[in-house]
Amino acid sequence: MTASPPAIRVAGLEKSFGELRVLRGVDVAADAGSVLALLGSNGAGKTTLVRILATLLAADAGTASVAGFDVGAEAARVRESISLTGQFAAVDDVLTGRENLVLMARLRHLPDPVEAARELLRRFSLEEAGDRRASEYSGGMRRRLDIAMSMIGAPSVVFLDEPTTGLDPEARQEVWQAVRELAHGGTTVLLTTQYLEEAEQLADRIAILHEGRIIADGTLAELRALLPSARIEYVEKQPTLEEVFLAVVGADGSERGSR
């Protein structure tokens, strides 16, 4: 049985801005239906890589393909296959959640925009808030609506560029669940993040981008194996502040519709 080609394949990718070399020969791949987390500090080149894969920026050297299409030679086919969600939610605050989705569905020329909006509201647990203005949504709800909008037209690959930046712990959990829903439905997700826990929770594979190069790439277990074996010690484990916060406010999302 022949293995399926990677949904994302990058080889020797380079990009400079004047004298600044941002990408210095990036090699990375993501299997179809998987979540690839791209870790890196500010300035590591994460957003530049995403912009190249989304056909918004041309590489100086190397090759890249998304959904089987070359990002340089077949840019239009790539754009038909992807969706990109940036660091800030791109929703219209004047419209309701439902109206945002219907508008996007019409722009995508879907045959039944109203039904598409209804299904996405259900899928991302926004049914109760669907007829409220997006300006009344919490940070987590706005982000989930933003991701739902990115799913109009059923793209096979979704780029999420630091989707939980600026969100509180509860809102981050809401976004994480939305990402899990994408992967469960067979969508390939490239997630850029600075949060290590986010990568641990969501990713099938993790790639670490540092100074324009991938310096480590593998599953969480494979990356952990790069370090010496753990030493067993018995210590009292105190709950983290995030665990306390979520326990107090309710981590199951039951409060979401009241905000």
Protein backbone atom coordinates (compact mmCIF):
# COMPACT_ATOMS: atom_id res chain seq x y z
CA MET A 1 0.00 0.00 0.00
CA THR A 2 1.45 3.36 -1.05
CA ALA A 3 1.73 5.96 1.70
CA SER A 4 -0.12 9.23 1.17
CA PRO A 5 2.11 12.21 0.30
CA PRO A 6 2.54 14.85 3.01
CA ALA A 7 -0.11 17.57 3.09
CA ILE A 8 2.70 20.07 3.69
CA ARG A 9 6.21 19.59 2.38
CA VAL A 10 9.02 22.14 2.72
CA ALA A 11 12.60 21.60 1.54
CA GLY A 12 15.52 24.02 1.69
CA LEU A 13 13.29 27.07 2.01
CA GLU A 14 15.12 30.40 2.28
CA LYS A 15 13.92 33.97 2.69
CA SER A 16 15.77 37.22 3.34
CA PHE A 17 14.65 40.80 3.81
CA GLY A 18 17.57 42.88 2.70
CA GLU A 19 20.55 41.79 4.76
CA LEU A 20 18.35 39.94 7.28
CA ARG A 21 18.21 36.19 6.61
CA VAL A 22 14.95 35.03 8.16
CA LEU A 23 14.73 31.47 6.78
CA ARG A 24 18.02 29.67 6.21
CA GLY A 25 17.06 26.36 4.63
CA VAL A 26 13.91 25.08 6.33
CA ASP A 27 12.94 21.42 5.94
CA VAL A 28 9.67 20.19 7.45
CA ALA A 29 6.61 18.11 6.54
CA ALA A 30 3.14 17.36 7.89
CA ASP A 31 1.03 14.28 7.16
CA ALA A 32 -2.55 14.69 6.00
CA GLY A 33 -4.98 14.98 8.91
CA SER A 34 -2.26 15.75 11.46
CA VAL A 35 -1.41 18.74 13.65
CA LEU A 36 2.11 20.09 13.21
CA ALA A 37 3.17 22.60 15.85
CA LEU A 38 5.86 25.04 14.82
CA LEU A 39 7.61 26.35 17.92
CA GLY A 40 9.90 29.33 18.00
CA SER A 41 10.56 32.60 19.78
CA ASN A 42 9.66 35.99 18.32
CA GLY A 43 11.69 36.59 15.17
CA ALA A 44 12.42 32.91 14.57
CA GLY A 45 10.65 33.02 11.18
CA LYS A 46 7.35 31.27 11.97
CA THR A 47 5.05 33.84 10.41
CA THR A 48 7.32 34.24 7.39
CA LEU A 49 7.13 30.49 6.76
CA VAL A 50 3.34 30.51 7.08
CA ARG A 51 3.04 33.46 4.69
CA ILE A 52 5.12 31.62 2.10
CA LEU A 53 3.01 28.47 2.44
CA ALA A 54 -0.15 30.56 2.12
CA THR A 55 1.21 32.12 -1.12
CA LEU A 56 1.35 35.60 0.44
CA LEU A 57 5.12 35.81 0.13
CA ALA A 58 7.60 34.38 -2.35
CA ALA A 59 10.56 32.33 -1.15
CA ASP A 60 14.08 33.15 -2.31
CA ALA A 61 15.10 29.49 -2.65
CA GLY A 62 13.88 25.98 -1.90
CA THR A 63 10.56 24.27 -2.59
CA ALA A 64 7.24 24.02 -0.81
CA SER A 65 3.96 22.28 -1.55
CA VAL A 66 0.60 22.35 0.19
CA ALA A 67 -2.15 19.79 -0.50
CA GLY A 68 0.01 18.48 -3.33
CA PHE A 69 0.34 21.84 -5.09
CA ASP A 70 3.51 23.86 -5.52
CA VAL A 71 3.14 27.17 -3.67
CA GLY A 72 5.00 29.06 -6.39
CA ALA A 73 3.81 27.46 -9.61
CA GLU A 74 0.26 26.56 -8.49
CA ALA A 75 -0.60 29.38 -6.11
CA ALA A 76 -4.27 29.53 -7.12
CA ARG A 77 -4.75 25.81 -6.42
CA VAL A 78 -3.02 26.21 -3.05
CA ARG A 79 -5.34 29.08 -2.09
CA GLU A 80 -8.36 26.94 -2.98
CA SER A 81 -7.12 24.26 -0.57
CA ILE A 82 -6.19 26.31 2.49
CA SER A 83 -7.41 28.74 5.09
CA LEU A 84 -5.31 31.12 7.17
CA THR A 85 -6.15 32.48 10.61
CA GLY A 86 -3.78 35.16 11.87
CA GLN A 87 -2.92 36.32 15.37
CA PHE A 88 -6.02 38.49 15.71
CA ALA A 89 -9.62 37.44 15.08
CA ALA A 90 -10.86 38.76 11.73
CA VAL A 91 -14.56 38.91 12.56
CA ASP A 92 -16.95 41.79 11.91
CA ASP A 93 -18.11 43.08 15.31
CA VAL A 94 -21.24 44.71 13.87
CA LEU A 95 -22.55 41.38 12.56
CA THR A 96 -23.79 38.46 14.61
CA GLY A 97 -21.83 35.25 14.67
CA ARG A 98 -24.33 33.71 12.25
CA GLU A 99 -24.14 36.69 9.90
CA ASN A 100 -20.34 36.54 9.85
CA LEU A 101 -20.50 32.91 8.79
CA VAL A 102 -23.24 33.48 6.19
CA LEU A 103 -21.26 36.37 4.70
CA MET A 104 -18.14 34.22 4.40
CA ALA A 105 -20.14 31.34 2.91
CA ARG A 106 -21.57 33.68 0.27
CA LEU A 107 -18.12 34.99 -0.56
CA ARG A 108 -17.06 31.35 -1.03
CA HIS A 109 -20.11 30.80 -3.30
CA LEU A 110 -21.49 27.93 -1.21
CA PRO A 111 -24.91 26.73 -2.44
CA ASP A 112 -26.60 27.06 0.99
CA PRO A 113 -24.83 29.71 3.14
CA VAL A 114 -27.46 29.61 5.90
CA GLU A 115 -27.10 25.85 6.39
CA ALA A 116 -23.30 26.12 6.31
CA ALA A 117 -23.46 28.75 9.07
CA ARG A 118 -25.84 26.65 11.15
CA GLU A 119 -23.58 23.60 10.94
CA LEU A 120 -20.45 25.53 11.90
CA LEU A 121 -22.18 27.21 14.84
CA ARG A 122 -23.09 23.74 16.07
CA ARG A 123 -19.65 22.29 15.40
CA PHE A 124 -17.88 25.03 17.34
CA SER A 125 -20.42 25.21 20.21
CA LEU A 126 -21.67 28.69 19.28
CA GLU A 127 -25.34 27.91 18.63
CA GLU A 128 -26.65 29.80 21.67
CA ALA A 129 -24.55 32.85 20.80
CA GLY A 130 -25.16 32.70 17.06
CA ASP A 131 -27.60 35.62 16.97
CA ARG A 132 -25.58 37.90 19.22
CA ARG A 133 -23.23 40.53 17.80
CA ALA A 134 -19.62 39.40 17.67
CA SER A 135 -18.70 42.50 19.70
CA GLU A 136 -20.42 40.83 22.67
CA TYR A 137 -18.35 37.65 22.42
CA SER A 138 -15.58 36.76 24.84
CA GLY A 139 -12.04 36.36 23.54
CA GLY A 140 -12.37 32.59 23.30
CA MET A 141 -15.72 32.79 21.53
CA ARG A 142 -14.38 35.31 19.00
CA ARG A 143 -11.44 33.02 18.30
CA ARG A 144 -13.71 30.01 17.83
CA LEU A 145 -15.88 32.04 15.46
CA ASP A 146 -12.76 33.10 13.57
CA ILE A 147 -11.68 29.47 13.20
CA ALA A 148 -15.22 28.47 12.19
CA MET A 149 -15.11 31.12 9.46
CA SER A 150 -11.83 29.67 8.25
CA MET A 151 -13.57 26.32 7.74
CA ILE A 152 -16.07 27.68 5.21
CA GLY A 153 -15.53 25.69 2.03
CA ALA A 154 -13.91 22.76 3.89
CA PRO A 155 -10.22 23.55 3.26
CA SER A 156 -7.93 20.55 3.57
CA VAL A 157 -5.13 22.54 5.25
CA VAL A 158 -5.53 25.26 7.88
CA PHE A 159 -2.78 27.58 9.09
CA LEU A 160 -3.25 28.91 12.62
CA ASP A 161 -0.66 31.59 13.35
CA GLU A 162 -0.40 31.95 17.15
CA PRO A 163 -4.19 31.63 17.61
CA THR A 164 -4.19 31.99 21.42
CA THR A 165 -2.01 35.09 21.70
CA GLY A 166 -3.49 37.40 24.35
CA LEU A 167 -6.18 34.97 25.50
CA ASP A 168 -6.81 34.02 29.12
CA PRO A 169 -6.43 30.36 30.22
CA GLU A 170 -10.13 29.53 29.83
CA ALA A 171 -10.29 31.03 26.35
CA ARG A 172 -7.14 29.12 25.38
CA GLN A 173 -8.85 25.87 26.38
CA GLU A 174 -11.80 26.78 24.13
CA VAL A 175 -9.49 27.35 21.17
CA TRP A 176 -7.62 24.12 21.87
CA GLN A 177 -10.89 22.21 21.68
CA ALA A 178 -11.66 23.88 18.35
CA VAL A 179 -8.27 22.77 16.99
CA ARG A 180 -8.92 19.23 18.18
CA GLU A 181 -12.23 19.32 16.29
CA LEU A 182 -10.41 20.29 13.11
CA ALA A 183 -7.92 17.44 13.40
CA HIS A 184 -10.64 14.96 14.33
CA GLY A 185 -12.44 15.90 11.11
CA GLY A 186 -9.36 15.12 9.01
CA THR A 187 -8.09 18.67 8.47
CA THR A 188 -4.32 19.18 8.41
CA VAL A 189 -3.34 21.94 10.83
CA LEU A 190 -0.09 23.90 10.94
CA LEU A 191 -0.07 25.66 14.29
CA THR A 192 2.55 28.26 15.15
CA THR A 193 2.90 29.01 18.84
CA GLN A 194 5.24 30.23 21.55
CA TYR A 195 3.39 28.21 24.21
CA LEU A 196 5.07 24.88 24.90
CA GLU A 197 2.01 23.47 26.65
CA GLU A 198 -0.08 24.26 23.57
CA ALA A 199 2.19 22.13 21.42
CA GLU A 200 2.16 19.34 24.00
CA GLN A 201 -1.65 19.31 24.10
CA LEU A 202 -2.40 19.50 20.40
CA ALA A 203 0.44 18.39 18.14
CA ASP A 204 1.12 15.06 16.49
CA ARG A 205 4.56 16.38 15.56
CA ILE A 206 6.54 19.34 16.82
CA ALA A 207 9.15 21.28 14.87
CA ILE A 208 11.38 23.83 16.60
CA LEU A 209 12.40 26.78 14.43
CA HIS A 210 15.43 28.71 15.67
CA GLU A 211 17.34 31.41 13.83
CA GLY A 212 15.75 30.41 10.53
CA ARG A 213 16.37 26.66 10.74
CA ILE A 214 14.49 23.63 12.03
CA ILE A 215 16.75 22.39 14.81
CA ALA A 216 14.48 19.59 16.07
CA ASP A 217 11.50 17.77 14.58
CA GLY A 218 9.54 14.79 15.88
CA THR A 219 6.79 13.56 18.14
CA LEU A 220 6.76 14.71 21.74
CA ALA A 221 8.20 11.35 22.81
CA GLU A 222 10.98 11.61 20.22
CA LEU A 223 11.90 15.10 21.34
CA ARG A 224 11.93 14.05 24.98
CA ALA A 225 14.29 11.21 24.06
CA LEU A 226 16.86 13.82 23.03
CA LEU A 227 17.44 14.57 26.70
CA PRO A 228 18.96 12.23 29.33
CA SER A 229 16.61 9.74 30.94
CA ALA A 230 14.45 11.23 33.64
CA ARG A 231 15.53 10.73 37.26
CA ILE A 232 12.74 9.37 39.45
CA GLU A 233 12.03 11.51 42.49
CA TYR A 234 9.06 11.61 44.82
CA VAL A 235 7.84 15.12 45.40
CA GLU A 236 4.61 16.76 46.45
CA LYS A 237 2.90 18.12 43.35
CA GLN A 238 1.01 21.33 43.85
CA PRO A 239 -1.62 22.39 41.29
CA THR A 240 -0.52 25.07 38.87
CA LEU A 241 -2.17 28.47 38.94
CA GLU A 242 -3.80 27.69 35.58
CA GLU A 243 -5.31 24.50 37.02
CA VAL A 244 -6.63 26.45 40.00
CA PHE A 245 -8.09 29.13 37.74
CA LEU A 246 -9.87 26.65 35.50
CA ALA A 247 -11.18 24.68 38.48
CA VAL A 248 -12.65 27.81 40.04
CA VAL A 249 -14.29 29.27 36.91
CA GLY A 250 -15.26 25.92 35.37
CA ALA A 251 -13.16 24.37 32.62
CA ASP A 252 -16.07 22.60 30.93
CA GLY A 253 -17.22 25.72 29.13
CA SER A 254 -20.62 25.81 30.87
CA GLU A 255 -20.29 29.53 31.48
CA ARG A 256 -19.44 30.41 27.89
CA GLY A 257 -22.93 31.25 26.72
CA SER A 258 -23.45 33.80 29.54
CA ARG A 259 -20.63 36.10 28.46
